Amino acid sequence: MATQPNIILVTADQLQAFALGCYGNPDVQTPNIDRLAAAGVQFRYGLSNAPVCMAGRSVLLSGQHNRSCTGGVSNVHYEHGKAGSYPMPEYPGTGRPHFPNTTLPELLRDAGYHTAAIGKWHMYTWPDVIGFDHYVIPRTHHIHSYQHYTENGGPEFVPEGWSMEYETDRADQFIRSQTGDQPFFLYLNYSPPHGPIDDCPAEYREMYDPAQLTLRANVDEANDFPSEHDRRVYRWDFRYYELALPYTLQPMTYTIRDIYAHYYGNITWLDDNLGRVTQALAESGQLENTIVVFTADHGDNLGSHCRCGKGQPFDESLRVPMLYSCPDRLAPRLDEQRLAGLLDIAPTLLSMAGTPIPPHMQGSDVFSEEADVGIVEVHPGRITARITRFTAHLNANGEGQRLAFYDNQGDPYQMTNLAGTNAFAKEQDRLFAILQAHHRNTPILPQPDYGFQHRS
């Protein structure tokens, strides 16, 4: 087609694929996401190639594995802090310690796109440095009400009310203002359903009855989370673990079912806001020629395997929604074979925009190249290979210990670790060899010096 498509890339935070109606969830209400899936291409096997916030987002915009675009960091954090806290810079640092090569927004800007970023950022390079003409981003630490923002690096301000509503308002304004011939790229990031999951409008917080929800089969209600601390982090996030506000320290009963109910409420809230974005496209006459991608930086273990949060080699952490919609360009279908990762989004969008894919990008166009293996860097040196049938997890350091191997067909909840057994020996050898080759051959960016000082 002669006209370059507009692009909206919507990223949720900590959203596992299994928590959406279009991915088979029987309880959660996600009509707008489900509608987007039905109208476009839904990849059953969407993967986060680095299932931690900063890492996953850096992979997405760079088209490179985390080791190549950040040096393998998960989240940049200060080298001090009390036990149980995780102090992180609220905004990016100076210069360009990450992203050694041109990124998706830079390449689209150079191809004539107007580029904008709205919502959660959480990368250690300012948006304008890597190609965004305009940006409105919040502080790194999560709150969903009365959040602090900066616009284009200006003075902080605090909008009234809920952060997601404010971000959708700004996205709506941006979309409706794009009336000329110049195509646009909007990178729209929502913090929910990442905690604090208690910090959302009452209608969503109270929407789901905890007793009626279907827990995943690998959740043991008697042994669901590692600690009481983790429950409080889900509920109140850094207002608990960093600020220690007294209300977050009071005795409480907060079960895995309560967490599911609030997590699902946040997802329906997210869904309603996505509906406003697609409505703005439709009402401004731009829906047909706009690529809308919906995904997440990573999933959420959510009590499965007695794990919480992210950063684990299980499907709850690795598998994310991966939806591409553009009525003028993509016929609706469900793809149940292609491993479609965050790594692939940049090259795919460049291809759809008619822009060459640079050789430094390590992902591939999901619509023109096959990929039956997805590589996930869970932690530096600990890497995972996911194919439709199997999952292999390797400690690539030292002697290359085979940590886990799962038959996802016979064991869909990954309850039986087959590493060290003779089961599927050829498949084990193949996948672990692929992981060893990845570790040997994929470039690693030297770890930047962030200039943080130890405090006594």
Protein backbone atom coordinates (compact mmCIF):
# COMPACT_ATOMS: atom_id res chain seq x y z
CA MET A 1 0.00 0.00 0.00
CA ALA A 2 1.18 3.54 -0.73
CA THR A 3 0.30 5.06 2.62
CA GLN A 4 2.50 4.19 5.57
CA PRO A 5 0.43 2.75 8.42
CA ASN A 6 0.12 4.44 11.76
CA ILE A 7 1.37 2.34 14.67
CA ILE A 8 0.16 2.06 18.25
CA LEU A 9 2.14 -0.29 20.48
CA VAL A 10 0.29 -0.90 23.75
CA THR A 11 2.21 -2.62 26.53
CA ALA A 12 0.73 -3.75 29.83
CA ASP A 13 2.90 -4.52 32.84
CA GLN A 14 3.06 -7.99 34.39
CA LEU A 15 0.14 -9.44 32.39
CA GLN A 16 0.25 -13.20 31.88
CA ALA A 17 -1.46 -14.44 28.72
CA PHE A 18 -3.62 -16.88 30.72
CA ALA A 19 -5.48 -13.97 32.34
CA LEU A 20 -7.36 -12.93 29.18
CA GLY A 21 -10.57 -14.24 27.68
CA CYS A 22 -9.01 -14.66 24.23
CA TYR A 23 -6.38 -16.94 25.78
CA GLY A 24 -8.98 -19.13 27.45
CA ASN A 25 -9.54 -17.55 30.87
CA PRO A 26 -13.07 -18.45 32.03
CA ASP A 27 -13.50 -15.66 34.58
CA VAL A 28 -11.92 -12.36 33.60
CA GLN A 29 -13.85 -9.89 31.44
CA THR A 30 -11.73 -8.50 28.59
CA PRO A 31 -14.15 -7.72 25.74
CA ASN A 32 -12.00 -5.05 24.07
CA ILE A 33 -8.82 -7.14 24.08
CA ASP A 34 -10.81 -10.14 22.87
CA ARG A 35 -12.29 -8.03 20.07
CA LEU A 36 -8.82 -6.88 19.03
CA ALA A 37 -7.66 -10.51 18.97
CA ALA A 38 -10.63 -11.57 16.85
CA ALA A 39 -10.04 -8.75 14.37
CA GLY A 40 -6.33 -9.40 13.88
CA VAL A 41 -3.60 -12.00 14.30
CA GLN A 42 -3.37 -13.64 17.71
CA PHE A 43 -0.21 -15.58 18.49
CA ARG A 44 -0.89 -18.32 20.99
CA TYR A 45 2.78 -18.42 21.93
CA GLY A 46 3.68 -14.82 22.72
CA LEU A 47 6.89 -14.66 24.73
CA SER A 48 8.72 -12.15 26.87
CA ASN A 49 12.36 -12.66 25.93
CA ALA A 50 13.44 -11.08 29.23
CA PRO A 51 10.69 -11.36 31.86
CA VAL A 52 11.57 -8.38 34.08
CA CYS A 53 10.37 -4.80 33.58
CA MET A 54 13.39 -2.84 32.31
CA ALA A 55 14.84 -5.84 30.50
CA GLY A 56 11.65 -6.74 28.63
CA ARG A 57 10.97 -3.16 27.58
CA SER A 58 14.53 -2.67 26.38
CA VAL A 59 14.29 -5.84 24.27
CA LEU A 60 11.04 -4.60 22.76
CA LEU A 61 12.36 -1.23 21.54
CA SER A 62 15.83 -2.46 20.53
CA GLY A 63 14.95 -5.71 18.79
CA GLN A 64 17.93 -7.18 20.64
CA HIS A 65 18.35 -9.65 23.46
CA ASN A 66 18.74 -8.09 26.88
CA ARG A 67 22.44 -8.93 27.09
CA SER A 68 23.05 -7.03 23.86
CA CYS A 69 21.00 -3.90 24.60
CA THR A 70 21.57 -3.43 28.37
CA GLY A 71 24.44 -5.75 29.28
CA GLY A 72 22.03 -8.19 30.89
CA VAL A 73 20.59 -6.09 33.71
CA SER A 74 17.12 -6.85 35.04
CA ASN A 75 16.29 -3.51 36.67
CA VAL A 76 18.85 -0.81 37.44
CA HIS A 77 18.79 -0.19 41.18
CA TYR A 78 20.84 1.57 43.81
CA GLU A 79 23.42 -0.41 45.73
CA HIS A 80 21.87 0.32 49.08
CA GLY A 81 18.53 -0.06 50.80
CA LYS A 82 16.91 -1.77 53.72
CA ALA A 83 16.06 -5.47 53.71
CA GLY A 84 13.08 -6.23 51.48
CA SER A 85 13.29 -2.96 49.53
CA TYR A 86 14.32 -2.45 45.93
CA PRO A 87 15.31 1.21 45.49
CA MET A 88 15.37 2.26 41.85
CA PRO A 89 15.96 5.61 40.15
CA GLU A 90 12.64 7.32 39.49
CA TYR A 91 13.76 8.54 36.05
CA PRO A 92 16.43 7.59 33.49
CA GLY A 93 20.06 8.55 33.88
CA THR A 94 22.12 10.79 31.64
CA GLY A 95 23.66 9.72 28.38
CA ARG A 96 23.03 6.42 26.66
CA PRO A 97 24.39 3.59 28.80
CA HIS A 98 21.94 1.17 27.16
CA PHE A 99 20.82 0.84 23.52
CA PRO A 100 24.15 0.82 21.64
CA ASN A 101 22.38 0.61 18.27
CA THR A 102 19.49 2.41 16.60
CA THR A 103 16.10 1.56 18.05
CA LEU A 104 12.59 1.14 16.68
CA PRO A 105 11.51 4.73 17.44
CA GLU A 106 14.70 6.17 15.92
CA LEU A 107 14.24 4.20 12.72
CA LEU A 108 10.56 5.11 12.44
CA ARG A 109 11.32 8.78 13.12
CA ASP A 110 13.95 8.70 10.37
CA ALA A 111 11.35 7.12 8.07
CA GLY A 112 9.05 10.11 8.56
CA TYR A 113 6.97 9.10 11.58
CA HIS A 114 5.89 11.42 14.38
CA THR A 115 6.85 9.49 17.52
CA ALA A 116 5.40 9.74 21.02
CA ALA A 117 5.63 7.78 24.27
CA ILE A 118 2.93 7.95 26.94
CA GLY A 119 2.85 6.05 30.23
CA LYS A 120 5.27 3.79 32.05
CA TRP A 121 8.82 4.05 30.76
CA HIS A 122 11.24 2.30 33.16
CA MET A 123 14.29 2.24 30.93
CA TYR A 124 17.61 3.82 31.78
CA THR A 125 17.73 6.15 28.76
CA TRP A 126 15.44 9.13 28.23
CA PRO A 127 12.84 8.71 25.47
CA ASP A 128 14.08 11.58 23.32
CA VAL A 129 17.59 10.09 23.26
CA ILE A 130 16.31 6.99 21.46
CA GLY A 131 13.92 8.60 19.01
CA PHE A 132 10.75 9.95 20.63
CA ASP A 133 9.67 13.45 19.57
CA HIS A 134 7.37 13.82 22.54
CA TYR A 135 6.86 11.96 25.82
CA VAL A 136 4.82 11.95 29.02
CA ILE A 137 6.21 9.44 31.51
CA PRO A 138 5.71 8.74 35.23
CA ARG A 139 8.15 7.93 37.98
CA THR A 140 9.44 4.36 37.95
CA HIS A 141 7.80 3.19 41.17
CA HIS A 142 4.25 2.01 40.73
CA ILE A 143 1.22 3.84 41.99
CA HIS A 144 -2.07 4.00 40.11
CA SER A 145 -3.44 7.18 41.70
CA TYR A 146 -1.86 10.62 41.97
CA GLN A 147 1.27 9.56 40.14
CA HIS A 148 4.09 12.00 39.34
CA TYR A 149 4.88 12.70 35.66
CA THR A 150 7.27 14.69 33.53
CA GLU A 151 6.44 15.91 30.02
CA ASN A 152 9.47 16.19 27.76
CA GLY A 153 11.73 16.34 30.81
CA GLY A 154 9.97 19.37 32.30
CA PRO A 155 8.91 19.97 35.92
CA GLU A 156 7.00 17.18 37.62
CA PHE A 157 3.24 17.40 37.93
CA VAL A 158 0.57 15.24 39.55
CA PRO A 159 -2.72 14.78 37.67
CA GLU A 160 -5.87 14.31 39.71
CA GLY A 161 -7.19 10.79 40.04
CA TRP A 162 -6.13 7.58 38.33
CA SER A 163 -2.94 7.34 36.30
CA MET A 164 -4.36 5.00 33.67
CA GLU A 165 -7.29 7.32 32.97
CA TYR A 166 -4.88 10.25 32.60
CA GLU A 167 -2.65 8.30 30.21
CA THR A 168 -5.64 7.27 28.11
CA ASP A 169 -6.82 10.89 28.02
CA ARG A 170 -3.42 11.92 26.68
CA ALA A 171 -3.43 9.08 24.14
CA ASP A 172 -6.92 10.06 23.02
CA GLN A 173 -5.80 13.66 22.52
CA PHE A 174 -2.72 12.55 20.62
CA ILE A 175 -4.65 10.23 18.29
CA ARG A 176 -7.33 12.80 17.46
CA SER A 177 -4.70 15.48 16.78
CA GLN A 178 -3.01 13.41 14.07
CA THR A 179 -5.00 14.71 11.13
CA GLY A 180 -2.24 15.39 8.58
CA ASP A 181 -0.39 13.15 6.16
CA GLN A 182 2.47 12.29 8.52
CA PRO A 183 2.16 8.78 10.00
CA PHE A 184 2.54 8.40 13.75
CA PHE A 185 4.01 5.90 16.17
CA LEU A 186 2.49 5.93 19.67
CA TYR A 187 4.14 3.81 22.35
CA LEU A 188 1.45 3.56 25.05
CA ASN A 189 2.32 1.84 28.32
CA TYR A 190 -0.02 1.00 31.16
CA SER A 191 1.23 -0.02 34.63
CA PRO A 192 -1.67 -2.32 35.63
CA PRO A 193 -2.05 -5.15 36.37
CA HIS A 194 1.33 -4.74 38.10
CA GLY A 195 0.78 -3.86 41.73
CA PRO A 196 -0.32 -2.06 43.77
CA ILE A 197 -3.39 -4.04 42.74
CA ASP A 198 -5.39 -2.56 45.64
CA ASP A 199 -4.91 0.91 44.11
CA CYS A 200 -7.67 0.95 41.51
CA PRO A 201 -11.26 2.22 41.25
CA ALA A 202 -13.67 0.46 43.60
CA GLU A 203 -15.84 -0.84 40.75
CA TYR A 204 -12.91 -2.92 39.48
CA ARG A 205 -11.49 -3.79 42.90
CA GLU A 206 -14.84 -5.27 43.88
CA MET A 207 -15.79 -6.73 40.50
CA TYR A 208 -14.70 -10.34 41.09
CA ASP A 209 -15.76 -12.65 43.91
CA PRO A 210 -12.58 -14.36 45.14
CA ALA A 211 -14.47 -17.53 46.07
CA GLN A 212 -15.77 -18.00 42.53
CA LEU A 213 -12.49 -17.69 40.63
CA THR A 214 -10.70 -20.58 38.94
CA LEU A 215 -7.10 -20.83 40.10
CA ARG A 216 -4.49 -22.33 37.82
CA ALA A 217 -3.91 -26.01 38.49
CA ASN A 218 -0.33 -25.40 39.67
CA VAL A 219 -1.45 -23.08 42.48
CA ASP A 220 -1.49 -24.74 45.89
CA GLU A 221 -3.70 -22.58 48.10
CA ALA A 222 -1.99 -23.92 51.21
CA ASN A 223 1.45 -23.04 49.85
CA ASP A 224 0.86 -20.29 47.33
CA PHE A 225 3.41 -17.53 48.09
CA PRO A 226 6.90 -17.57 49.57
CA SER A 227 6.10 -15.03 52.30
CA GLU A 228 3.71 -12.51 53.82
CA HIS A 229 6.02 -9.84 52.45
CA ASP A 230 5.12 -10.85 48.89
CA ARG A 231 1.40 -10.48 49.54
CA ARG A 232 1.93 -6.95 50.79
CA VAL A 233 4.06 -6.10 47.74
CA TYR A 234 1.23 -7.22 45.44
CA ARG A 235 -1.29 -5.17 47.36
CA TRP A 236 0.65 -1.95 48.00
CA ASP A 237 3.96 -2.20 46.11
CA PHE A 238 6.58 0.41 47.03
CA ARG A 239 4.28 2.25 49.44
CA TYR A 240 4.89 -0.87 51.52
CA TYR A 241 8.37 -2.15 50.66
CA GLU A 242 10.08 1.25 50.37
CA LEU A 243 7.95 3.86 52.15
CA ALA A 244 6.59 1.49 54.83
CA LEU A 245 3.47 3.60 55.28
CA PRO A 246 1.77 2.47 58.50
CA TYR A 247 -1.46 1.34 56.83
CA THR A 248 0.53 -1.17 54.76
CA LEU A 249 2.00 -2.72 57.92
CA GLN A 250 -1.25 -3.51 59.70
CA PRO A 251 -2.35 -7.13 60.24
CA MET A 252 -4.31 -8.39 57.26
CA THR A 253 -5.86 -11.41 55.65
CA TYR A 254 -5.07 -11.35 51.95
CA THR A 255 -5.30 -14.73 50.28
CA ILE A 256 -4.27 -15.88 46.83
CA ARG A 257 -7.93 -15.60 45.85
CA ASP A 258 -8.01 -11.97 46.96
CA ILE A 259 -4.91 -11.36 44.85
CA TYR A 260 -6.51 -13.05 41.83
CA ALA A 261 -9.66 -10.94 42.27
CA HIS A 262 -7.76 -7.65 42.41
CA TYR A 263 -5.41 -8.69 39.60
CA TYR A 264 -8.40 -9.51 37.39
CA GLY A 265 -10.09 -6.24 38.34
CA ASN A 266 -7.00 -4.36 37.20
CA ILE A 267 -7.09 -6.26 33.91
CA THR A 268 -10.71 -5.32 33.21
CA TRP A 269 -9.83 -1.72 34.05
CA LEU A 270 -6.97 -1.97 31.54
CA ASP A 271 -9.36 -3.47 28.99
CA ASP A 272 -11.80 -0.58 29.34
CA ASN A 273 -9.00 1.90 28.70
CA LEU A 274 -7.81 0.01 25.64
CA GLY A 275 -11.38 0.24 24.38
CA ARG A 276 -11.17 4.03 24.61
CA VAL A 277 -7.99 3.98 22.50
CA THR A 278 -9.55 1.93 19.70
CA GLN A 279 -12.67 4.11 19.90
CA ALA A 280 -10.53 7.21 19.34
CA LEU A 281 -9.01 5.55 16.27
CA ALA A 282 -12.42 4.63 14.90
CA GLU A 283 -13.98 8.05 15.54
CA SER A 284 -11.00 9.85 13.98
CA GLY A 285 -11.17 7.66 10.86
CA GLN A 286 -7.75 6.10 11.44
CA LEU A 287 -8.60 2.58 12.56
CA GLU A 288 -8.31 0.86 9.17
CA ASN A 289 -4.74 2.00 8.50
CA THR A 290 -3.38 1.75 12.05
CA ILE A 291 -1.39 -1.22 13.28
CA VAL A 292 -2.33 -1.89 16.90
CA VAL A 293 -0.06 -4.26 18.81
CA PHE A 294 -1.06 -5.37 22.29
CA THR A 295 1.40 -7.19 24.53
CA ALA A 296 3.08 -7.09 27.96
CA ASP A 297 6.65 -6.77 29.18
CA HIS A 298 6.32 -10.09 31.06
CA GLY A 299 3.79 -12.27 32.85
CA ASP A 300 3.12 -12.96 36.52
CA ASN A 301 3.67 -16.22 38.38
CA LEU A 302 0.70 -15.29 40.59
CA GLY A 303 1.17 -18.14 43.06
CA SER A 304 1.91 -20.85 40.52
CA HIS A 305 4.77 -23.09 41.66
CA CYS A 306 4.75 -21.12 44.93
CA ARG A 307 6.23 -18.17 43.04
CA CYS A 308 5.23 -14.54 42.78
CA GLY A 309 6.06 -11.75 40.37
CA LYS A 310 8.20 -12.51 37.35
CA GLY A 311 11.69 -13.59 36.35
CA GLN A 312 11.06 -17.35 36.43
CA PRO A 313 11.33 -19.90 33.59
CA PHE A 314 7.68 -20.95 33.89
CA ASP A 315 4.96 -20.14 31.35
CA GLU A 316 3.12 -17.89 33.80
CA SER A 317 6.16 -15.59 33.76
CA LEU A 318 7.22 -16.04 30.11
CA ARG A 319 4.00 -16.14 28.10
CA VAL A 320 2.37 -12.81 27.29
CA PRO A 321 -0.42 -11.73 24.96
CA MET A 322 0.77 -11.02 21.44
CA LEU A 323 -1.87 -9.42 19.22
CA TYR A 324 -1.38 -7.59 15.91
CA SER A 325 -4.36 -5.85 14.31
CA CYS A 326 -4.64 -3.69 11.19
CA PRO A 327 -7.84 -4.09 9.15
CA ASP A 328 -6.23 -2.82 5.93
CA ARG A 329 -3.28 -5.20 6.11
CA LEU A 330 -3.91 -8.26 8.30
CA ALA A 331 -6.59 -10.91 7.86
CA PRO A 332 -7.86 -12.32 11.18
CA ARG A 333 -6.35 -15.64 12.26
CA LEU A 334 -5.01 -17.56 15.23
CA ASP A 335 -1.37 -18.62 14.87
CA GLU A 336 -0.68 -21.67 17.03
CA GLN A 337 2.85 -22.45 15.84
CA ARG A 338 5.00 -19.31 15.55
CA LEU A 339 6.94 -18.29 18.68
CA ALA A 340 6.34 -14.52 18.63
CA GLY A 341 8.48 -12.62 21.11
CA LEU A 342 9.02 -9.07 22.28
CA LEU A 343 12.27 -9.44 20.34
CA ASP A 344 10.29 -9.66 17.10
CA ILE A 345 8.08 -6.59 17.51
CA ALA A 346 10.60 -4.02 16.27
CA PRO A 347 11.59 -5.86 13.08
CA THR A 348 7.96 -6.75 12.37
CA LEU A 349 6.76 -3.15 12.67
CA LEU A 350 9.67 -1.86 10.60
CA SER A 351 8.80 -4.35 7.87
CA MET A 352 5.13 -3.37 7.95
CA ALA A 353 6.14 0.30 7.72
CA GLY A 354 8.30 -0.41 4.65
CA THR A 355 11.52 0.34 6.52
CA PRO A 356 14.59 -1.93 6.23
CA ILE A 357 15.39 -4.10 9.26
CA PRO A 358 18.95 -3.34 10.40
CA PRO A 359 21.32 -6.28 10.83
CA HIS A 360 21.91 -5.57 14.54
CA MET A 361 18.32 -6.53 15.35
CA GLN A 362 18.20 -10.13 16.55
CA GLY A 363 14.47 -10.68 16.19
CA SER A 364 12.59 -11.36 12.96
CA ASP A 365 9.41 -10.38 11.12
CA VAL A 366 6.66 -12.63 12.49
CA PHE A 367 4.77 -12.51 9.18
CA SER A 368 7.58 -13.46 6.83
CA GLU A 369 10.02 -15.62 8.81
CA GLU A 370 9.38 -18.83 10.70
CA ALA A 371 10.67 -19.28 14.24
CA ASP A 372 10.02 -22.47 16.18
CA VAL A 373 12.28 -21.61 19.14
CA GLY A 374 12.04 -18.63 21.46
CA ILE A 375 15.05 -17.72 23.61
CA VAL A 376 14.39 -16.15 27.00
CA GLU A 377 17.10 -14.65 29.19
CA VAL A 378 15.60 -15.08 32.64
CA HIS A 379 18.76 -13.98 34.48
CA PRO A 380 22.29 -13.41 33.16
CA GLY A 381 23.63 -16.86 32.40
CA ARG A 382 20.28 -18.54 33.05
CA ILE A 383 18.47 -18.88 29.77
CA THR A 384 15.39 -20.70 28.53
CA ALA A 385 14.33 -22.16 25.19
CA ARG A 386 10.59 -22.42 24.55
CA ILE A 387 9.04 -24.32 21.65
CA THR A 388 5.41 -25.31 21.35
CA ARG A 389 6.05 -28.75 22.87
CA PHE A 390 8.99 -28.30 25.27
CA THR A 391 10.71 -25.86 27.61
CA ALA A 392 14.42 -26.14 28.51
CA HIS A 393 16.16 -24.05 31.17
CA LEU A 394 19.97 -23.89 31.36
CA ASN A 395 22.57 -22.38 33.65
CA ALA A 396 24.98 -21.49 30.87
CA ASN A 397 27.76 -20.47 33.22
CA GLY A 398 30.45 -22.93 34.27
CA GLU A 399 29.68 -26.47 33.16
CA GLY A 400 26.28 -25.62 31.74
CA GLN A 401 23.94 -27.29 34.22
CA ARG A 402 20.61 -28.44 32.80
CA LEU A 403 18.22 -26.95 35.33
CA ALA A 404 14.81 -27.91 33.95
CA PHE A 405 13.05 -29.55 31.02
CA TYR A 406 9.26 -29.72 30.64
CA ASP A 407 6.94 -31.51 28.25
CA ASN A 408 4.34 -28.81 27.79
CA GLN A 409 1.97 -31.12 25.97
CA GLY A 410 1.84 -33.90 28.53
CA ASP A 411 2.49 -31.56 31.46
CA PRO A 412 0.89 -28.19 30.57
CA TYR A 413 1.34 -26.79 34.09
CA GLN A 414 5.05 -27.74 34.16
CA MET A 415 4.87 -29.80 37.34
CA THR A 416 7.41 -32.51 36.43
CA ASN A 417 11.02 -31.58 35.74
CA LEU A 418 12.51 -34.06 33.25
CA ALA A 419 16.05 -32.65 33.24
CA GLY A 420 18.52 -35.36 34.18
CA THR A 421 16.23 -38.13 32.93
CA ASN A 422 16.26 -40.03 29.65
CA ALA A 423 12.83 -38.70 28.66
CA PHE A 424 12.86 -37.00 25.24
CA ALA A 425 16.66 -37.30 25.15
CA LYS A 426 17.06 -36.03 21.57
CA GLU A 427 14.83 -33.04 22.21
CA GLN A 428 16.71 -32.24 25.40
CA ASP A 429 20.05 -32.40 23.62
CA ARG A 430 18.80 -30.19 20.79
CA LEU A 431 17.36 -27.44 22.98
CA PHE A 432 20.22 -27.35 25.44
CA ALA A 433 22.67 -27.17 22.52
CA ILE A 434 20.71 -24.20 21.13
CA LEU A 435 20.97 -22.47 24.50
CA GLN A 436 24.71 -23.10 24.73
CA ALA A 437 25.17 -21.67 21.24
CA HIS A 438 23.12 -18.61 22.15
CA HIS A 439 25.25 -18.02 25.21
CA ARG A 440 28.50 -18.36 23.23
CA ASN A 441 27.52 -16.33 20.20
CA THR A 442 25.15 -13.55 21.28
CA PRO A 443 27.06 -10.30 21.94
CA ILE A 444 27.05 -8.90 25.48
CA LEU A 445 27.17 -5.15 26.02
CA PRO A 446 29.80 -4.28 28.65
CA GLN A 447 28.06 -3.54 31.94
CA PRO A 448 27.70 0.25 32.24
CA ASP A 449 28.92 2.20 35.25
CA TYR A 450 25.86 3.99 36.60
CA GLY A 451 27.87 6.03 39.08
CA PHE A 452 25.95 4.89 42.15
CA GLN A 453 27.73 5.26 45.48
CA HIS A 454 27.48 3.01 48.52
CA ARG A 455 26.15 4.94 51.49
CA SER A 456 27.25 4.18 55.03
